[in-house]
């Protein structure tokens, strides 16, 4: 018998389109969230979309595929950092 207003948050955790994926993931992990609204940095009331775990998994998969195509077994330092961070956050 509760409404969305009753259970919703009045102070949202958001991400911005120019924010690094790692920063958005840290917000998600730190607040135990599965997705974040993506809002315009200068107009935070303007919803641009949302970032969820499925999109992160897709980006990770595409990165790994690209790295394997470029040079099998070799990861860029940026990809290694992302991989380490993902492993820390997902246990």
C-alpha atoms as a PDB file:
ATOM      1  CA  UNK A   1       0.000   0.000   0.000  1.00  0.00           C
ATOM      2  CA  UNK A   2       3.010   2.304  -0.316  1.00  0.00           C
ATOM      3  CA  UNK A   3       3.558   4.761  -3.131  1.00  0.00           C
ATOM      4  CA  UNK A   4       6.772   5.438  -4.993  1.00  0.00           C
ATOM      5  CA  UNK A   5       7.012   8.700  -3.081  1.00  0.00           C
ATOM      6  CA  UNK A   6       6.851   6.773   0.219  1.00  0.00           C
ATOM      7  CA  UNK A   7       9.794   4.503  -0.581  1.00  0.00           C
ATOM      8  CA  UNK A   8      11.792   6.685  -2.982  1.00  0.00           C
ATOM      9  CA  UNK A   9      14.823   8.735  -2.091  1.00  0.00           C
ATOM     10  CA  UNK A  10      14.676  12.499  -2.000  1.00  0.00           C
ATOM     11  CA  UNK A  11      18.442  12.842  -2.470  1.00  0.00           C
ATOM     12  CA  UNK A  12      19.571  10.880  -5.504  1.00  0.00           C
ATOM     13  CA  UNK A  13      23.032   9.509  -6.203  1.00  0.00           C
ATOM     14  CA  UNK A  14      23.693  10.319  -9.863  1.00  0.00           C
ATOM     15  CA  UNK A  15      26.404  10.092 -12.465  1.00  0.00           C
ATOM     16  CA  UNK A  16      27.295  12.381 -15.345  1.00  0.00           C
ATOM     17  CA  UNK A  17      28.021  11.537 -18.988  1.00  0.00           C
ATOM     18  CA  UNK A  18      31.598  12.836 -18.719  1.00  0.00           C
ATOM     19  CA  UNK A  19      32.366  10.941 -15.504  1.00  0.00           C
ATOM     20  CA  UNK A  20      34.733   7.972 -15.666  1.00  0.00           C
ATOM     21  CA  UNK A  21      33.064   4.586 -15.471  1.00  0.00           C
ATOM     22  CA  UNK A  22      35.262   3.747 -12.482  1.00  0.00           C
ATOM     23  CA  UNK A  23      33.877   6.740 -10.577  1.00  0.00           C
ATOM     24  CA  UNK A  24      30.303   5.732 -11.326  1.00  0.00           C
ATOM     25  CA  UNK A  25      31.063   2.150 -10.276  1.00  0.00           C
ATOM     26  CA  UNK A  26      32.531   3.397  -7.001  1.00  0.00           C
ATOM     27  CA  UNK A  27      29.308   5.312  -6.326  1.00  0.00           C
ATOM     28  CA  UNK A  28      27.245   2.235  -7.116  1.00  0.00           C
ATOM     29  CA  UNK A  29      29.336   0.010  -4.861  1.00  0.00           C
ATOM     30  CA  UNK A  30      29.581   2.574  -2.068  1.00  0.00           C
ATOM     31  CA  UNK A  31      25.830   3.028  -1.918  1.00  0.00           C
ATOM     32  CA  UNK A  32      24.917  -0.578  -2.805  1.00  0.00           C
ATOM     33  CA  UNK A  33      23.074   0.490  -5.969  1.00  0.00           C
ATOM     34  CA  UNK A  34      22.458  -1.501  -9.122  1.00  0.00           C
ATOM     35  CA  UNK A  35      21.987   1.507 -11.380  1.00  0.00           C
ATOM     36  CA  UNK A  36      22.459   5.245 -11.451  1.00  0.00           C
ATOM     37  CA  UNK A  37      20.546   7.963 -13.256  1.00  0.00           C
ATOM     38  CA  UNK A  38      22.734   9.829 -15.753  1.00  0.00           C
ATOM     39  CA  UNK A  39      22.007  13.538 -15.594  1.00  0.00           C
ATOM     40  CA  UNK A  40      23.293  16.643 -17.311  1.00  0.00           C
ATOM     41  CA  UNK A  41      26.096  18.165 -15.222  1.00  0.00           C
ATOM     42  CA  UNK A  42      24.840  21.769 -15.570  1.00  0.00           C
ATOM     43  CA  UNK A  43      21.180  20.829 -15.270  1.00  0.00           C
ATOM     44  CA  UNK A  44      20.928  17.916 -12.798  1.00  0.00           C
ATOM     45  CA  UNK A  45      17.152  17.755 -13.218  1.00  0.00           C
ATOM     46  CA  UNK A  46      17.662  16.792 -16.877  1.00  0.00           C
ATOM     47  CA  UNK A  47      17.682  12.999 -17.068  1.00  0.00           C
ATOM     48  CA  UNK A  48      19.788  11.667 -19.949  1.00  0.00           C
ATOM     49  CA  UNK A  49      19.506   7.960 -19.198  1.00  0.00           C
ATOM     50  CA  UNK A  50      20.735   5.461 -16.662  1.00  0.00           C
ATOM     51  CA  UNK A  51      23.799   3.324 -16.078  1.00  0.00           C
ATOM     52  CA  UNK A  52      23.202  -0.213 -14.879  1.00  0.00           C
ATOM     53  CA  UNK A  53      25.216  -3.335 -14.220  1.00  0.00           C
ATOM     54  CA  UNK A  54      24.273  -4.802 -17.600  1.00  0.00           C
ATOM     55  CA  UNK A  55      25.799  -1.803 -19.419  1.00  0.00           C
ATOM     56  CA  UNK A  56      28.960  -2.075 -17.319  1.00  0.00           C
ATOM     57  CA  UNK A  57      29.238  -5.804 -18.062  1.00  0.00           C
ATOM     58  CA  UNK A  58      28.780  -5.101 -21.782  1.00  0.00           C
ATOM     59  CA  UNK A  59      31.465  -2.403 -21.738  1.00  0.00           C
ATOM     60  CA  UNK A  60      33.829  -4.725 -19.869  1.00  0.00           C
ATOM     61  CA  UNK A  61      33.190  -7.552 -22.335  1.00  0.00           C
ATOM     62  CA  UNK A  62      33.801  -5.269 -25.321  1.00  0.00           C
ATOM     63  CA  UNK A  63      37.022  -3.992 -23.757  1.00  0.00           C
ATOM     64  CA  UNK A  64      38.307  -7.527 -23.184  1.00  0.00           C
ATOM     65  CA  UNK A  65      37.394  -8.530 -26.742  1.00  0.00           C
ATOM     66  CA  UNK A  66      39.161  -5.466 -28.135  1.00  0.00           C
ATOM     67  CA  UNK A  67      42.268  -6.162 -26.052  1.00  0.00           C
ATOM     68  CA  UNK A  68      42.387  -9.795 -27.212  1.00  0.00           C
ATOM     69  CA  UNK A  69      42.067  -8.698 -30.836  1.00  0.00           C
ATOM     70  CA  UNK A  70      44.825  -6.114 -30.497  1.00  0.00           C
ATOM     71  CA  UNK A  71      47.377  -8.415 -28.896  1.00  0.00           C
ATOM     72  CA  UNK A  72      46.273 -11.673 -27.257  1.00  0.00           C
ATOM     73  CA  UNK A  73      46.920 -11.845 -23.528  1.00  0.00           C
ATOM     74  CA  UNK A  74      47.967  -8.226 -23.182  1.00  0.00           C
ATOM     75  CA  UNK A  75      45.939  -5.633 -21.300  1.00  0.00           C
ATOM     76  CA  UNK A  76      46.534  -1.938 -21.252  1.00  0.00           C
ATOM     77  CA  UNK A  77      47.310  -0.401 -17.881  1.00  0.00           C
ATOM     78  CA  UNK A  78      43.853   1.233 -17.911  1.00  0.00           C
ATOM     79  CA  UNK A  79      42.121  -2.095 -18.542  1.00  0.00           C
ATOM     80  CA  UNK A  80      44.177  -3.776 -15.807  1.00  0.00           C
ATOM     81  CA  UNK A  81      43.153  -1.046 -13.369  1.00  0.00           C
ATOM     82  CA  UNK A  82      39.495  -1.420 -14.317  1.00  0.00           C
ATOM     83  CA  UNK A  83      39.760  -5.186 -13.943  1.00  0.00           C
ATOM     84  CA  UNK A  84      41.341  -4.845 -10.494  1.00  0.00           C
ATOM     85  CA  UNK A  85      38.639  -2.412  -9.397  1.00  0.00           C
ATOM     86  CA  UNK A  86      35.863  -4.643 -10.701  1.00  0.00           C
ATOM     87  CA  UNK A  87      37.315  -7.631  -8.855  1.00  0.00           C
ATOM     88  CA  UNK A  88      37.529  -5.661  -5.599  1.00  0.00           C
ATOM     89  CA  UNK A  89      33.944  -4.473  -5.874  1.00  0.00           C
ATOM     90  CA  UNK A  90      32.401  -7.764  -6.932  1.00  0.00           C
ATOM     91  CA  UNK A  91      34.316  -9.855  -4.405  1.00  0.00           C
END
